[in-house]
Amino acid sequence: MNMQNINEQADEYKSDLKQESEILLACQREKNIDSCFICDKTFECEKRKKYVESVYESMSQGQGGGFEF
């Protein structure tokens, strides 16, 4: 993989993380809360799961194994 592809992939992970972060923050604003842990759907929430996955992917740049939460 060349450097340009690596940079493009890193940009994609950053973009995904930003998008998932915005979705999560919008949900928190809608529910008038400042943390997912206040919400009664914390562990079933698909928005939160996608956000956590995007954080992990951003940190590992797609090189890590599975991630359980």
C-alpha atoms as a PDB file:
ATOM      1  CA  MET A   1       0.000   0.000   0.000  1.00  0.00           C
ATOM      2  CA  ASN A   2       1.473   3.338  -0.973  1.00  0.00           C
ATOM      3  CA  MET A   3       1.529   6.481   1.150  1.00  0.00           C
ATOM      4  CA  GLN A   4      -1.322   8.144  -0.741  1.00  0.00           C
ATOM      5  CA  ASN A   5      -3.602   5.158  -0.097  1.00  0.00           C
ATOM      6  CA  ILE A   6      -2.643   5.156   3.586  1.00  0.00           C
ATOM      7  CA  ASN A   7      -3.463   8.864   3.884  1.00  0.00           C
ATOM      8  CA  GLU A   8      -6.766   8.424   2.058  1.00  0.00           C
ATOM      9  CA  GLN A   9      -7.691   5.547   4.340  1.00  0.00           C
ATOM     10  CA  ALA A  10      -6.783   7.589   7.443  1.00  0.00           C
ATOM     11  CA  ASP A  11      -8.916  10.464   6.134  1.00  0.00           C
ATOM     12  CA  GLU A  12     -11.807   8.041   5.640  1.00  0.00           C
ATOM     13  CA  TYR A  13     -11.558   6.844   9.243  1.00  0.00           C
ATOM     14  CA  LYS A  14     -11.454  10.445  10.483  1.00  0.00           C
ATOM     15  CA  SER A  15     -14.458  11.339   8.350  1.00  0.00           C
ATOM     16  CA  ASP A  16     -16.433   8.335   9.607  1.00  0.00           C
ATOM     17  CA  LEU A  17     -15.550   9.192  13.200  1.00  0.00           C
ATOM     18  CA  LYS A  18     -16.658  12.795  12.737  1.00  0.00           C
ATOM     19  CA  GLN A  19     -19.943  11.711  11.171  1.00  0.00           C
ATOM     20  CA  GLU A  20     -20.715   9.164  13.895  1.00  0.00           C
ATOM     21  CA  SER A  21     -19.752  11.693  16.560  1.00  0.00           C
ATOM     22  CA  GLU A  22     -22.165  14.252  15.107  1.00  0.00           C
ATOM     23  CA  ILE A  23     -24.967  11.663  15.022  1.00  0.00           C
ATOM     24  CA  LEU A  24     -24.325  10.709  18.648  1.00  0.00           C
ATOM     25  CA  LEU A  25     -24.158  14.313  19.828  1.00  0.00           C
ATOM     26  CA  ALA A  26     -27.391  15.133  17.982  1.00  0.00           C
ATOM     27  CA  CYS A  27     -29.084  12.243  19.759  1.00  0.00           C
ATOM     28  CA  GLN A  28     -27.821  13.492  23.122  1.00  0.00           C
ATOM     29  CA  ARG A  29     -29.086  17.016  22.358  1.00  0.00           C
ATOM     30  CA  GLU A  30     -32.454  15.601  21.301  1.00  0.00           C
ATOM     31  CA  LYS A  31     -32.736  13.759  24.624  1.00  0.00           C
ATOM     32  CA  ASN A  32     -31.339  16.758  26.530  1.00  0.00           C
ATOM     33  CA  ILE A  33     -28.492  14.718  28.038  1.00  0.00           C
ATOM     34  CA  ASP A  34     -24.730  15.152  27.967  1.00  0.00           C
ATOM     35  CA  SER A  35     -23.705  11.502  28.268  1.00  0.00           C
ATOM     36  CA  CYS A  36     -24.930   8.221  26.829  1.00  0.00           C
ATOM     37  CA  PHE A  37     -24.601   6.649  30.271  1.00  0.00           C
ATOM     38  CA  ILE A  38     -27.591   8.683  31.444  1.00  0.00           C
ATOM     39  CA  CYS A  39     -29.758   7.156  28.713  1.00  0.00           C
ATOM     40  CA  ASP A  40     -31.720   3.995  29.501  1.00  0.00           C
ATOM     41  CA  LYS A  41     -30.751   2.531  26.095  1.00  0.00           C
ATOM     42  CA  THR A  42     -26.985   2.898  26.598  1.00  0.00           C
ATOM     43  CA  PHE A  43     -26.055  -0.700  25.847  1.00  0.00           C
ATOM     44  CA  GLU A  44     -28.669  -1.377  23.149  1.00  0.00           C
ATOM     45  CA  CYS A  45     -28.154   1.872  21.244  1.00  0.00           C
ATOM     46  CA  GLU A  46     -27.100   1.367  17.628  1.00  0.00           C
ATOM     47  CA  LYS A  47     -25.909   4.977  17.337  1.00  0.00           C
ATOM     48  CA  ARG A  48     -23.576   4.500  20.290  1.00  0.00           C
ATOM     49  CA  LYS A  49     -22.356   1.138  18.967  1.00  0.00           C
ATOM     50  CA  LYS A  50     -21.540   2.679  15.582  1.00  0.00           C
ATOM     51  CA  TYR A  51     -19.734   5.547  17.310  1.00  0.00           C
ATOM     52  CA  VAL A  52     -17.651   3.194  19.465  1.00  0.00           C
ATOM     53  CA  GLU A  53     -16.814   1.102  16.391  1.00  0.00           C
ATOM     54  CA  SER A  54     -15.753   4.217  14.487  1.00  0.00           C
ATOM     55  CA  VAL A  55     -13.511   5.286  17.400  1.00  0.00           C
ATOM     56  CA  TYR A  56     -11.887   1.872  17.431  1.00  0.00           C
ATOM     57  CA  GLU A  57     -11.444   1.855  13.654  1.00  0.00           C
ATOM     58  CA  SER A  58      -9.971   5.353  13.752  1.00  0.00           C
ATOM     59  CA  MET A  59      -7.491   4.335  16.453  1.00  0.00           C
ATOM     60  CA  SER A  60      -6.483   1.061  14.817  1.00  0.00           C
ATOM     61  CA  GLN A  61      -6.718   2.334  11.217  1.00  0.00           C
ATOM     62  CA  GLY A  62      -8.420  -0.949  10.347  1.00  0.00           C
ATOM     63  CA  GLN A  63      -5.439  -3.038  11.470  1.00  0.00           C
ATOM     64  CA  GLY A  64      -6.903  -4.414  14.689  1.00  0.00           C
ATOM     65  CA  GLY A  65      -8.823  -7.560  15.411  1.00  0.00           C
ATOM     66  CA  GLY A  66     -12.334  -7.794  16.752  1.00  0.00           C
ATOM     67  CA  PHE A  67     -13.717  -5.473  19.357  1.00  0.00           C
ATOM     68  CA  GLU A  68     -16.297  -6.458  21.943  1.00  0.00           C
ATOM     69  CA  PHE A  69     -18.301  -3.963  23.971  1.00  0.00           C
END
